[in-house]
């Protein structure tokens, strides 16, 4: 059986060949589906070496493809973790830029008021107007927004170092024909010469609705804690991937208690919200707890990048089997660490 019985979204990190970009792939997909491409802002965070400023928030340029009826097909966005394959000395390409600030709230405001299709020299004008100022233009094409007290609010700058080449395909939620949908997207990428980045990953987002249960979440945490090594062996995780790792200390003790597992979902969600969950780990439960409108999911982040849709579906079947084991109303015992999982969940057998 090639498909699964779960609504999922898939994120696949790829690299455009030199001279091409994520826009190149977006346009090919739009042509295949008879749809349209819209340039969009994509929010990202990156670590900073500046004292007192651990993170810079970014809006980078992405491309959203809709079909002929206006339904979202996929987006094609940057991923700042993809670094090694890029020539950082490469000059910026015309029309490519990013917006940077030290506060994600400011960039969310900018994204609401600015048009990603505007050129760099004009894109921040409506944002500056919110602060009663005009954008300042500096050497090298940089544009800066300040408030009336002269404090810096945001900066727009040309996009250097081949940053147009990273391409994370973000699919719309797929409810059926998962293999065919993914194979069409990756077929377009293969035809254009897209490759696997050094740090590349694939993320599988499973619709969180069935997992809104204290008992199911507790079983998932216990299962993945006991069999972390086996899951990574199944995934053949890319050791160069970043933004992975474990859950916060004490999570297993919290969810392993009878008191927690007896809670209704809202009460359990309140307990989990205090546990320090974060997105950047092997299995992201933060979205399950926070329920963002666009990504209310349980996310498996342990898989390497691939151009093979059948491989992605093999991983998806394994993840679905784990989730269904955790949802089993008969609550079969979780195998101890080191047990042969193929006897319990055959879909997890490593190739």
Protein backbone atom coordinates (compact mmCIF):
# COMPACT_ATOMS: atom_id res chain seq x y z
CA UNK A 1 0.00 0.00 0.00
CA UNK A 2 1.59 3.29 -1.12
CA UNK A 3 -0.63 5.83 0.60
CA UNK A 4 -1.61 6.51 4.19
CA UNK A 5 -4.93 7.32 5.85
CA UNK A 6 -3.95 10.63 7.48
CA UNK A 7 -3.87 14.23 6.30
CA UNK A 8 -0.26 15.36 6.17
CA UNK A 9 1.87 18.24 4.97
CA UNK A 10 5.42 17.69 3.79
CA UNK A 11 8.43 20.01 3.77
CA UNK A 12 11.37 18.98 1.59
CA UNK A 13 14.60 20.99 1.53
CA UNK A 14 16.29 21.09 -1.87
CA UNK A 15 18.85 23.17 -3.74
CA UNK A 16 18.35 24.81 -7.13
CA UNK A 17 21.16 24.46 -9.65
CA UNK A 18 23.38 27.47 -10.24
CA UNK A 19 21.56 30.05 -12.32
CA UNK A 20 18.15 28.88 -11.12
CA UNK A 21 16.14 29.57 -7.97
CA UNK A 22 13.13 28.46 -5.97
CA UNK A 23 11.09 30.74 -8.21
CA UNK A 24 12.14 28.58 -11.18
CA UNK A 25 10.54 25.52 -9.58
CA UNK A 26 7.45 27.45 -8.51
CA UNK A 27 6.85 28.59 -12.08
CA UNK A 28 7.22 25.06 -13.44
CA UNK A 29 4.73 23.68 -10.93
CA UNK A 30 2.28 26.50 -11.68
CA UNK A 31 2.54 25.75 -15.39
CA UNK A 32 1.88 22.04 -14.79
CA UNK A 33 -1.25 22.68 -12.69
CA UNK A 34 -2.49 25.57 -14.84
CA UNK A 35 -2.23 27.92 -11.89
CA UNK A 36 -0.47 31.05 -10.68
CA UNK A 37 2.62 32.10 -8.72
CA UNK A 38 2.53 34.82 -6.05
CA UNK A 39 5.65 36.18 -4.39
CA UNK A 40 5.28 36.12 -0.62
CA UNK A 41 7.18 36.89 2.57
CA UNK A 42 8.46 33.91 4.55
CA UNK A 43 9.41 34.43 8.23
CA UNK A 44 12.65 32.87 9.50
CA UNK A 45 14.98 33.19 12.46
CA UNK A 46 18.77 32.98 12.46
CA UNK A 47 21.32 33.09 15.23
CA UNK A 48 23.42 36.20 15.61
CA UNK A 49 27.00 36.74 16.79
CA UNK A 50 26.20 40.24 18.07
CA UNK A 51 26.43 40.65 21.85
CA UNK A 52 22.99 41.02 23.39
CA UNK A 53 21.28 40.07 20.13
CA UNK A 54 21.07 36.25 19.96
CA UNK A 55 18.57 36.09 17.08
CA UNK A 56 17.77 38.09 13.96
CA UNK A 57 14.27 37.78 12.54
CA UNK A 58 13.95 37.68 8.74
CA UNK A 59 11.36 37.96 6.05
CA UNK A 60 12.73 36.22 2.97
CA UNK A 61 11.13 35.89 -0.44
CA UNK A 62 9.10 32.80 -1.25
CA UNK A 63 6.61 31.79 -3.92
CA UNK A 64 3.11 30.43 -3.40
CA UNK A 65 1.54 28.34 -6.16
CA UNK A 66 -2.23 28.03 -6.50
CA UNK A 67 -4.07 25.88 -9.02
CA UNK A 68 -6.60 27.13 -11.58
CA UNK A 69 -9.32 27.26 -8.89
CA UNK A 70 -7.15 29.27 -6.53
CA UNK A 71 -6.41 26.37 -4.19
CA UNK A 72 -2.98 26.34 -2.58
CA UNK A 73 -0.72 23.65 -4.05
CA UNK A 74 2.66 24.36 -2.45
CA UNK A 75 5.02 27.14 -1.43
CA UNK A 76 8.70 27.38 -2.28
CA UNK A 77 10.66 29.19 0.42
CA UNK A 78 14.14 29.77 1.80
CA UNK A 79 15.62 27.85 4.71
CA UNK A 80 18.48 29.62 6.45
CA UNK A 81 19.93 26.36 7.79
CA UNK A 82 21.05 25.52 4.24
CA UNK A 83 24.50 27.08 4.03
CA UNK A 84 27.37 24.80 3.00
CA UNK A 85 26.54 24.48 -0.71
CA UNK A 86 26.25 28.22 -1.33
CA UNK A 87 28.92 30.62 -2.60
CA UNK A 88 28.66 33.31 0.04
CA UNK A 89 30.78 35.66 -2.10
CA UNK A 90 28.25 35.57 -4.92
CA UNK A 91 26.74 38.95 -5.78
CA UNK A 92 23.05 39.54 -5.07
CA UNK A 93 20.67 38.74 -7.90
CA UNK A 94 18.48 41.64 -9.11
CA UNK A 95 15.16 41.82 -7.29
CA UNK A 96 16.08 39.48 -4.45
CA UNK A 97 16.18 40.89 -0.90
CA UNK A 98 15.28 40.20 2.72
CA UNK A 99 13.88 42.25 5.58
CA UNK A 100 15.54 41.99 9.00
CA UNK A 101 14.57 43.13 12.50
CA UNK A 102 15.36 42.17 16.08
CA UNK A 103 11.72 41.51 16.97
CA UNK A 104 9.48 38.99 15.22
CA UNK A 105 6.42 41.09 16.12
CA UNK A 106 7.74 43.99 14.04
CA UNK A 107 8.26 41.76 11.03
CA UNK A 108 4.77 40.31 11.36
CA UNK A 109 3.51 43.87 11.26
CA UNK A 110 5.69 44.59 8.22
CA UNK A 111 4.37 41.50 6.44
CA UNK A 112 0.79 42.74 6.94
CA UNK A 113 1.48 46.17 5.49
CA UNK A 114 4.15 45.57 2.85
CA UNK A 115 3.84 43.99 -0.58
CA UNK A 116 6.38 41.23 -1.27
CA UNK A 117 6.09 41.96 -4.96
CA UNK A 118 7.38 45.53 -4.48
CA UNK A 119 11.04 46.33 -5.22
CA UNK A 120 13.44 46.79 -2.33
CA UNK A 121 13.60 50.56 -2.69
CA UNK A 122 9.82 50.85 -2.10
CA UNK A 123 8.83 47.77 -0.14
CA UNK A 124 9.24 49.34 3.33
CA UNK A 125 7.49 52.64 2.57
CA UNK A 126 4.08 51.65 4.04
CA UNK A 127 5.81 50.16 7.09
CA UNK A 128 7.78 53.35 7.73
CA UNK A 129 4.54 55.33 7.46
CA UNK A 130 3.26 53.49 10.55
CA UNK A 131 6.07 55.20 12.48
CA UNK A 132 5.61 58.55 10.80
CA UNK A 133 8.87 58.35 8.83
CA UNK A 134 10.23 57.63 5.37
CA UNK A 135 12.67 54.80 4.63
CA UNK A 136 16.34 55.79 4.62
CA UNK A 137 18.35 54.62 1.61
CA UNK A 138 21.99 53.65 2.15
CA UNK A 139 24.92 52.43 0.10
CA UNK A 140 24.71 48.97 -1.40
CA UNK A 141 20.95 49.18 -1.87
CA UNK A 142 20.16 48.85 1.85
CA UNK A 143 16.97 50.49 3.12
CA UNK A 144 16.36 51.27 6.80
CA UNK A 145 13.23 52.19 8.73
CA UNK A 146 13.60 54.31 11.88
CA UNK A 147 11.03 55.80 14.22
CA UNK A 148 10.76 59.51 15.04
CA UNK A 149 13.32 59.09 17.82
CA UNK A 150 15.86 57.69 15.38
CA UNK A 151 15.67 54.11 16.68
CA UNK A 152 16.16 51.44 14.04
CA UNK A 153 13.04 49.37 13.37
CA UNK A 154 13.86 47.20 10.35
CA UNK A 155 16.32 46.90 7.49
CA UNK A 156 15.89 45.74 3.92
CA UNK A 157 18.98 44.51 2.10
CA UNK A 158 19.85 42.76 -1.17
CA UNK A 159 20.04 38.98 -0.80
CA UNK A 160 23.69 37.85 -1.11
CA UNK A 161 25.47 34.54 -1.37
CA UNK A 162 23.16 32.57 -3.67
CA UNK A 163 20.36 32.62 -1.10
CA UNK A 164 17.87 32.41 -3.97
CA UNK A 165 18.98 28.77 -4.50
CA UNK A 166 17.73 27.09 -1.29
CA UNK A 167 14.23 25.77 -1.87
CA UNK A 168 12.05 24.23 0.78
CA UNK A 169 8.95 22.79 -0.80
CA UNK A 170 6.05 23.25 1.63
CA UNK A 171 3.03 21.30 0.43
CA UNK A 172 -0.56 22.13 1.14
CA UNK A 173 -2.16 19.51 3.42
CA UNK A 174 -2.51 16.27 1.44
CA UNK A 175 -5.60 14.21 2.23
CA UNK A 176 -5.43 11.57 -0.54
CA UNK A 177 -3.15 10.37 -3.34
CA UNK A 178 -0.16 11.36 -1.24
CA UNK A 179 2.37 9.50 -3.38
CA UNK A 180 1.10 10.97 -6.66
CA UNK A 181 1.07 14.53 -5.29
CA UNK A 182 4.63 14.26 -3.97
CA UNK A 183 5.92 12.48 -7.06
CA UNK A 184 4.58 15.25 -9.30
CA UNK A 185 6.30 17.95 -7.22
CA UNK A 186 9.59 16.09 -6.96
CA UNK A 187 9.41 15.13 -10.63
CA UNK A 188 9.36 18.83 -11.48
CA UNK A 189 12.36 19.38 -9.20
CA UNK A 190 14.31 16.50 -10.71
CA UNK A 191 13.60 17.71 -14.25
CA UNK A 192 15.08 21.12 -13.39
CA UNK A 193 18.25 19.65 -11.87
CA UNK A 194 17.48 20.33 -8.20
CA UNK A 195 19.73 18.46 -5.77
CA UNK A 196 20.00 17.48 -2.10
CA UNK A 197 21.62 20.13 0.16
CA UNK A 198 24.34 19.12 2.62
CA UNK A 199 22.16 20.03 5.62
CA UNK A 200 18.90 19.03 3.93
CA UNK A 201 15.93 17.55 5.79
CA UNK A 202 12.38 16.37 5.17
CA UNK A 203 9.68 17.19 7.72
CA UNK A 204 6.38 15.32 7.97
CA UNK A 205 3.43 17.20 9.50
CA UNK A 206 0.55 14.98 10.65
CA UNK A 207 -2.82 16.62 11.30
CA UNK A 208 -2.92 17.01 15.07
CA UNK A 209 -6.69 16.57 15.53
CA UNK A 210 -6.62 12.82 16.28
CA UNK A 211 -3.79 13.30 18.81
CA UNK A 212 -5.60 15.74 21.10
CA UNK A 213 -5.62 13.35 24.02
CA UNK A 214 -3.49 13.35 27.17
CA UNK A 215 -3.18 9.58 26.99
CA UNK A 216 -2.16 9.54 23.32
CA UNK A 217 0.46 12.26 23.81
CA UNK A 218 1.83 10.50 26.89
CA UNK A 219 2.17 7.24 24.94
CA UNK A 220 3.85 9.02 22.03
CA UNK A 221 6.39 10.66 24.34
CA UNK A 222 7.08 7.38 26.13
CA UNK A 223 7.41 5.46 22.86
CA UNK A 224 9.74 7.97 21.20
CA UNK A 225 11.85 8.33 24.34
CA UNK A 226 12.34 4.58 24.63
CA UNK A 227 13.01 4.08 20.92
CA UNK A 228 14.76 7.29 19.91
CA UNK A 229 17.75 5.42 18.46
CA UNK A 230 15.53 3.01 16.53
CA UNK A 231 13.50 5.86 15.04
CA UNK A 232 16.66 7.63 13.91
CA UNK A 233 17.95 4.39 12.42
CA UNK A 234 14.67 3.98 10.55
CA UNK A 235 14.94 7.55 9.29
CA UNK A 236 18.66 7.37 8.53
CA UNK A 237 18.78 10.93 9.79
CA UNK A 238 21.22 13.36 8.19
CA UNK A 239 23.91 14.14 10.81
CA UNK A 240 24.42 17.56 9.20
CA UNK A 241 20.81 18.59 9.91
CA UNK A 242 20.43 21.36 12.44
CA UNK A 243 17.49 22.42 14.59
CA UNK A 244 16.81 18.94 15.89
CA UNK A 245 17.24 17.45 19.37
CA UNK A 246 15.33 16.22 22.36
CA UNK A 247 12.39 17.41 24.41
CA UNK A 248 12.84 19.54 27.55
CA UNK A 249 13.92 17.73 30.73
CA UNK A 250 11.07 16.43 32.81
CA UNK A 251 8.55 16.09 29.99
CA UNK A 252 8.43 12.30 30.26
CA UNK A 253 7.92 12.45 34.01
CA UNK A 254 5.08 14.95 33.58
CA UNK A 255 3.22 13.00 30.92
CA UNK A 256 3.99 9.58 32.43
CA UNK A 257 1.94 10.28 35.52
CA UNK A 258 -1.56 8.88 36.01
CA UNK A 259 -2.68 12.39 37.00
CA UNK A 260 -1.66 13.83 33.63
CA UNK A 261 -3.14 10.98 31.60
CA UNK A 262 -6.46 11.44 33.40
CA UNK A 263 -6.79 15.06 32.28
CA UNK A 264 -9.10 16.26 29.54
CA UNK A 265 -7.34 17.78 26.56
CA UNK A 266 -7.62 21.43 27.55
CA UNK A 267 -6.18 20.75 30.99
CA UNK A 268 -3.42 18.57 29.52
CA UNK A 269 -2.68 21.25 26.93
CA UNK A 270 -2.27 23.78 29.74
CA UNK A 271 0.27 21.52 31.47
CA UNK A 272 2.20 20.97 28.23
CA UNK A 273 2.23 24.71 27.51
CA UNK A 274 4.33 25.18 30.65
CA UNK A 275 6.82 22.43 29.79
CA UNK A 276 9.09 24.47 27.49
CA UNK A 277 8.28 22.68 24.24
CA UNK A 278 9.94 24.15 21.15
CA UNK A 279 9.76 23.64 17.43
CA UNK A 280 13.40 22.75 16.88
CA UNK A 281 13.52 19.15 18.06
CA UNK A 282 13.25 15.68 16.55
CA UNK A 283 9.49 15.49 17.07
CA UNK A 284 7.81 18.85 17.38
CA UNK A 285 4.83 18.85 19.74
CA UNK A 286 4.75 22.63 20.15
CA UNK A 287 2.32 22.99 17.26
CA UNK A 288 0.01 20.41 18.82
CA UNK A 289 -0.06 22.49 22.00
CA UNK A 290 -0.21 25.96 20.43
CA UNK A 291 -2.49 24.97 17.50
CA UNK A 292 -1.37 27.64 14.99
CA UNK A 293 -3.95 28.12 12.28
CA UNK A 294 -1.58 27.19 9.44
CA UNK A 295 0.31 24.33 11.11
CA UNK A 296 -1.77 22.49 13.73
CA UNK A 297 0.31 19.33 13.50
CA UNK A 298 2.56 16.74 15.06
CA UNK A 299 5.82 17.20 13.16
CA UNK A 300 8.50 14.55 12.61
CA UNK A 301 11.76 16.36 11.77
CA UNK A 302 14.24 13.44 11.70
CA UNK A 303 14.26 12.58 8.00
CA UNK A 304 16.93 13.54 5.43
CA UNK A 305 16.17 15.43 2.24
CA UNK A 306 15.20 13.31 -0.73
CA UNK A 307 13.94 13.55 -4.30
CA UNK A 308 12.19 10.18 -3.99
CA UNK A 309 8.46 10.37 -3.21
CA UNK A 310 8.28 6.64 -2.49
CA UNK A 311 10.89 7.07 0.24
CA UNK A 312 8.86 9.86 1.84
CA UNK A 313 5.78 7.64 1.82
CA UNK A 314 7.73 4.84 3.48
CA UNK A 315 8.67 7.25 6.27
CA UNK A 316 5.10 8.49 6.47
CA UNK A 317 3.75 4.95 6.87
CA UNK A 318 6.17 4.39 9.74
CA UNK A 319 5.14 7.61 11.49
CA UNK A 320 1.45 6.88 10.96
CA UNK A 321 1.92 3.41 12.45
CA UNK A 322 3.56 4.91 15.56
CA UNK A 323 0.72 7.42 15.99
CA UNK A 324 -1.93 4.74 15.57
CA UNK A 325 -0.12 2.52 18.09
CA UNK A 326 -0.27 5.42 20.55
CA UNK A 327 -3.97 5.92 19.81
CA UNK A 328 -4.87 2.24 20.17
CA UNK A 329 -7.86 2.10 22.57
CA UNK A 330 -6.60 -1.22 23.94
CA UNK A 331 -3.36 0.52 25.02
CA UNK A 332 -0.89 -2.26 24.18
CA UNK A 333 2.24 -1.98 26.34
CA UNK A 334 5.06 0.11 24.93
CA UNK A 335 7.99 -2.17 24.07
CA UNK A 336 11.03 -1.62 26.28
CA UNK A 337 14.11 0.14 24.89
CA UNK A 338 16.09 -2.23 22.71
CA UNK A 339 13.09 -4.40 21.80
CA UNK A 340 12.60 -5.58 18.22
CA UNK A 341 10.09 -3.02 16.99
CA UNK A 342 9.46 -4.94 13.77
CA UNK A 343 7.38 -7.37 15.85
CA UNK A 344 5.12 -4.53 17.01
CA UNK A 345 5.27 -1.96 14.19
CA UNK A 346 6.55 -3.66 11.01
CA UNK A 347 6.50 -0.34 9.14
CA UNK A 348 9.55 0.77 11.18
CA UNK A 349 11.84 -1.93 9.85
CA UNK A 350 14.99 -0.19 8.52
CA UNK A 351 15.86 -0.81 4.90
